[in-house]
């Protein structure tokens, strides 16, 4: 990774293209979740990299939703950003807007958790606590099965991501809840 490109640089770039609170909060959530998974899966030495990928994964979505994961590549290349970041962020649009398949374990995690964090976050907001701190897999699964709940969160993508990782859905949900708990104070402060 280009060590000259820092988290602060990534945040400046993100906020250049994203103004809506929801998109910024989602980016910070996915950043925190990716850092949690980096530690969990033995990539602590790449934790910052995983976080930057999480932060930038939807860089183009607010301004270019029809070109999501396509325009992003162009923007990042124009800035001379590391190709690993470009491939990783673009790969979460696999079979949706691009044919760039998630290859590295980090890319598979991003592919899996992007939609899932949205669904878990929406489920948490339905709770009296409005927090992920007391949400359980069982509650998320109940909401998950209701196709009308958080309808924008693709169950197909979440399931395909779990398969890519070789995990069952319960494991993916449980670990992602734990990941979100670990960084909830950060994404709530955005």
Foldseek 3Di string as FASTA:
>chain_A
DPPVCFLVNLVVLLVVQDDDLVLQLLLQLQLLLQLLVCVVVVNNVCSRVLSSLSNCLQSNCVPCVVQTLNVSLVVCVVVVHDVVSSLLSSQLCPPPRDVRHDDDLSSLLSNQVSLVVVLLQQLLCVDPVSDLPPDALVSSVVLVVVCVRSVVRDPVSNCVSCVVNVHDSSVSNHSSSVSSNVCVVPSVVD
